């Protein structure tokens, strides 16, 4: 549940960022989600 909420927030942030920031943030989110597992 918390993971889904965090993912929604991250997705919203990613949409607001430029494409350069998007790829960097995307990588951070992927690492973060891996650590949550």
PDB file of N, CA and C in Angstrom:
ATOM      1  N   UNK A   1       0.835  -1.201   0.000  1.00  0.00           N
ATOM      2  CA  UNK A   1       0.000   0.000   0.000  1.00  0.00           C
ATOM      3  C   UNK A   1       0.870   1.252   0.000  1.00  0.00           C
ATOM      4  N   UNK A   2       1.760   1.364   0.972  1.00  0.00           N
ATOM      5  CA  UNK A   2       2.664   2.518   1.041  1.00  0.00           C
ATOM      6  C   UNK A   2       3.526   2.602  -0.213  1.00  0.00           C
ATOM      7  N   UNK A   3       3.895   1.430  -0.732  1.00  0.00           N
ATOM      8  CA  UNK A   3       4.710   1.384  -1.943  1.00  0.00           C
ATOM      9  C   UNK A   3       3.946   1.978  -3.125  1.00  0.00           C
ATOM     10  N   UNK A   4       2.651   1.668  -3.219  1.00  0.00           N
ATOM     11  CA  UNK A   4       1.817   2.195  -4.299  1.00  0.00           C
ATOM     12  C   UNK A   4       1.690   3.714  -4.198  1.00  0.00           C
ATOM     13  N   UNK A   5       1.504   4.211  -2.981  1.00  0.00           N
ATOM     14  CA  UNK A   5       1.400   5.657  -2.759  1.00  0.00           C
ATOM     15  C   UNK A   5       2.708   6.351  -3.140  1.00  0.00           C
ATOM     16  N   UNK A   6       3.827   5.783  -2.699  1.00  0.00           N
ATOM     17  CA  UNK A   6       5.133   6.350  -3.026  1.00  0.00           C
ATOM     18  C   UNK A   6       5.356   6.358  -4.531  1.00  0.00           C
ATOM     19  N   UNK A   7       4.915   5.286  -5.189  1.00  0.00           N
ATOM     20  CA  UNK A   7       5.079   5.191  -6.643  1.00  0.00           C
ATOM     21  C   UNK A   7       4.247   6.255  -7.348  1.00  0.00           C
ATOM     22  N   UNK A   8       3.015   6.491  -6.888  1.00  0.00           N
ATOM     23  CA  UNK A   8       2.158   7.528  -7.462  1.00  0.00           C
ATOM     24  C   UNK A   8       2.794   8.904  -7.326  1.00  0.00           C
ATOM     25  N   UNK A   9       3.339   9.186  -6.153  1.00  0.00           N
ATOM     26  CA  UNK A   9       3.998  10.474  -5.907  1.00  0.00           C
ATOM     27  C   UNK A   9       5.203  10.630  -6.827  1.00  0.00           C
ATOM     28  N   UNK A  10       6.008   9.579  -6.919  1.00  0.00           N
ATOM     29  CA  UNK A  10       7.192   9.608  -7.774  1.00  0.00           C
ATOM     30  C   UNK A  10       6.798   9.820  -9.228  1.00  0.00           C
ATOM     31  N   UNK A  11       5.741   9.143  -9.665  1.00  0.00           N
ATOM     32  CA  UNK A  11       5.268   9.279 -11.048  1.00  0.00           C
ATOM     33  C   UNK A  11       4.848  10.715 -11.331  1.00  0.00           C
ATOM     34  N   UNK A  12       4.118  11.319 -10.403  1.00  0.00           N
ATOM     35  CA  UNK A  12       3.689  12.708 -10.561  1.00  0.00           C
ATOM     36  C   UNK A  12       4.883  13.647 -10.678  1.00  0.00           C
ATOM     37  N   UNK A  13       5.879  13.440  -9.824  1.00  0.00           N
ATOM     38  CA  UNK A  13       7.086  14.265  -9.866  1.00  0.00           C
ATOM     39  C   UNK A  13       7.813  14.110 -11.192  1.00  0.00           C
ATOM     40  N   UNK A  14       7.947  12.859 -11.643  1.00  0.00           N
ATOM     41  CA  UNK A  14       8.651  12.578 -12.893  1.00  0.00           C
ATOM     42  C   UNK A  14       7.969  13.284 -14.064  1.00  0.00           C
ATOM     43  N   UNK A  15       6.638  13.272 -14.087  1.00  0.00           N
ATOM     44  CA  UNK A  15       5.889  13.921 -15.162  1.00  0.00           C
ATOM     45  C   UNK A  15       6.202  15.420 -15.211  1.00  0.00           C
ATOM     46  N   UNK A  16       6.408  16.030 -14.050  1.00  0.00           N
ATOM     47  CA  UNK A  16       6.650  17.473 -13.969  1.00  0.00           C
ATOM     48  C   UNK A  16       8.077  17.867 -14.360  1.00  0.00           C
ATOM     49  N   UNK A  17       8.984  16.910 -14.351  1.00  0.00           N
ATOM     50  CA  UNK A  17      10.381  17.227 -14.632  1.00  0.00           C
ATOM     51  C   UNK A  17      10.684  17.217 -16.125  1.00  0.00           C
ATOM     52  N   UNK A  18      11.764  17.859 -16.486  1.00  0.00           N
ATOM     53  CA  UNK A  18      12.241  17.808 -17.861  1.00  0.00           C
ATOM     54  C   UNK A  18      12.781  16.420 -18.157  1.00  0.00           C
ATOM     55  N   UNK A  19      13.004  16.120 -19.421  1.00  0.00           N
ATOM     56  CA  UNK A  19      13.440  14.772 -19.801  1.00  0.00           C
ATOM     57  C   UNK A  19      14.807  14.412 -19.225  1.00  0.00           C
ATOM     58  N   UNK A  20      15.700  15.391 -19.103  1.00  0.00           N
ATOM     59  CA  UNK A  20      17.022  15.112 -18.519  1.00  0.00           C
ATOM     60  C   UNK A  20      16.884  14.735 -17.045  1.00  0.00           C
ATOM     61  N   UNK A  21      16.126  15.538 -16.317  1.00  0.00           N
ATOM     62  CA  UNK A  21      15.873  15.253 -14.901  1.00  0.00           C
ATOM     63  C   UNK A  21      15.083  13.957 -14.758  1.00  0.00           C
ATOM     64  N   UNK A  22      14.225  13.696 -15.743  1.00  0.00           N
ATOM     65  CA  UNK A  22      13.373  12.517 -15.710  1.00  0.00           C
ATOM     66  C   UNK A  22      14.189  11.234 -15.659  1.00  0.00           C
ATOM     67  N   UNK A  23      15.196  11.130 -16.511  1.00  0.00           N
ATOM     68  CA  UNK A  23      15.992   9.898 -16.538  1.00  0.00           C
ATOM     69  C   UNK A  23      16.780   9.714 -15.243  1.00  0.00           C
ATOM     70  N   UNK A  24      17.308  10.801 -14.700  1.00  0.00           N
ATOM     71  CA  UNK A  24      18.047  10.722 -13.438  1.00  0.00           C
ATOM     72  C   UNK A  24      17.119  10.311 -12.293  1.00  0.00           C
ATOM     73  N   UNK A  25      15.958  10.930 -12.244  1.00  0.00           N
ATOM     74  CA  UNK A  25      14.989  10.620 -11.194  1.00  0.00           C
ATOM     75  C   UNK A  25      14.473   9.198 -11.337  1.00  0.00           C
ATOM     76  N   UNK A  26      14.236   8.799 -12.584  1.00  0.00           N
ATOM     77  CA  UNK A  26      13.763   7.448 -12.874  1.00  0.00           C
ATOM     78  C   UNK A  26      14.729   6.411 -12.324  1.00  0.00           C
ATOM     79  N   UNK A  27      16.015   6.640 -12.526  1.00  0.00           N
ATOM     80  CA  UNK A  27      17.036   5.721 -12.014  1.00  0.00           C
ATOM     81  C   UNK A  27      17.019   5.681 -10.489  1.00  0.00           C
ATOM     82  N   UNK A  28      16.878   6.845  -9.867  1.00  0.00           N
ATOM     83  CA  UNK A  28      16.804   6.905  -8.405  1.00  0.00           C
ATOM     84  C   UNK A  28      15.600   6.134  -7.879  1.00  0.00           C
ATOM     85  N   UNK A  29      14.464   6.311  -8.548  1.00  0.00           N
ATOM     86  CA  UNK A  29      13.234   5.625  -8.140  1.00  0.00           C
ATOM     87  C   UNK A  29      13.393   4.116  -8.276  1.00  0.00           C
ATOM     88  N   UNK A  30      14.010   3.684  -9.377  1.00  0.00           N
ATOM     89  CA  UNK A  30      14.235   2.247  -9.584  1.00  0.00           C
ATOM     90  C   UNK A  30      15.106   1.663  -8.478  1.00  0.00           C
ATOM     91  N   UNK A  31      16.174   2.355  -8.131  1.00  0.00           N
ATOM     92  CA  UNK A  31      17.067   1.909  -7.055  1.00  0.00           C
ATOM     93  C   UNK A  31      16.296   1.861  -5.733  1.00  0.00           C
ATOM     94  N   UNK A  32      15.528   2.912  -5.490  1.00  0.00           N
ATOM     95  CA  UNK A  32      14.764   3.025  -4.256  1.00  0.00           C
ATOM     96  C   UNK A  32      13.736   1.903  -4.132  1.00  0.00           C
ATOM     97  N   UNK A  33      13.017   1.628  -5.226  1.00  0.00           N
ATOM     98  CA  UNK A  33      12.023   0.553  -5.213  1.00  0.00           C
ATOM     99  C   UNK A  33      12.679  -0.806  -5.013  1.00  0.00           C
ATOM    100  N   UNK A  34      13.849  -0.994  -5.598  1.00  0.00           N
ATOM    101  CA  UNK A  34      14.588  -2.251  -5.398  1.00  0.00           C
ATOM    102  C   UNK A  34      14.949  -2.436  -3.924  1.00  0.00           C
ATOM    103  N   UNK A  35      15.346  -1.336  -3.268  1.00  0.00           N
ATOM    104  CA  UNK A  35      15.726  -1.398  -1.853  1.00  0.00           C
ATOM    105  C   UNK A  35      14.520  -1.666  -0.950  1.00  0.00           C
ATOM    106  N   UNK A  36      13.331  -1.238  -1.396  1.00  0.00           N
ATOM    107  CA  UNK A  36      12.118  -1.461  -0.610  1.00  0.00           C
ATOM    108  C   UNK A  36      11.694  -2.924  -0.603  1.00  0.00           C
ATOM    109  N   UNK A  37      12.047  -3.652  -1.634  1.00  0.00           N
ATOM    110  CA  UNK A  37      11.613  -5.053  -1.760  1.00  0.00           C
ATOM    111  C   UNK A  37      12.190  -5.931  -0.667  1.00  0.00           C
TER     112      UNK A  37
END
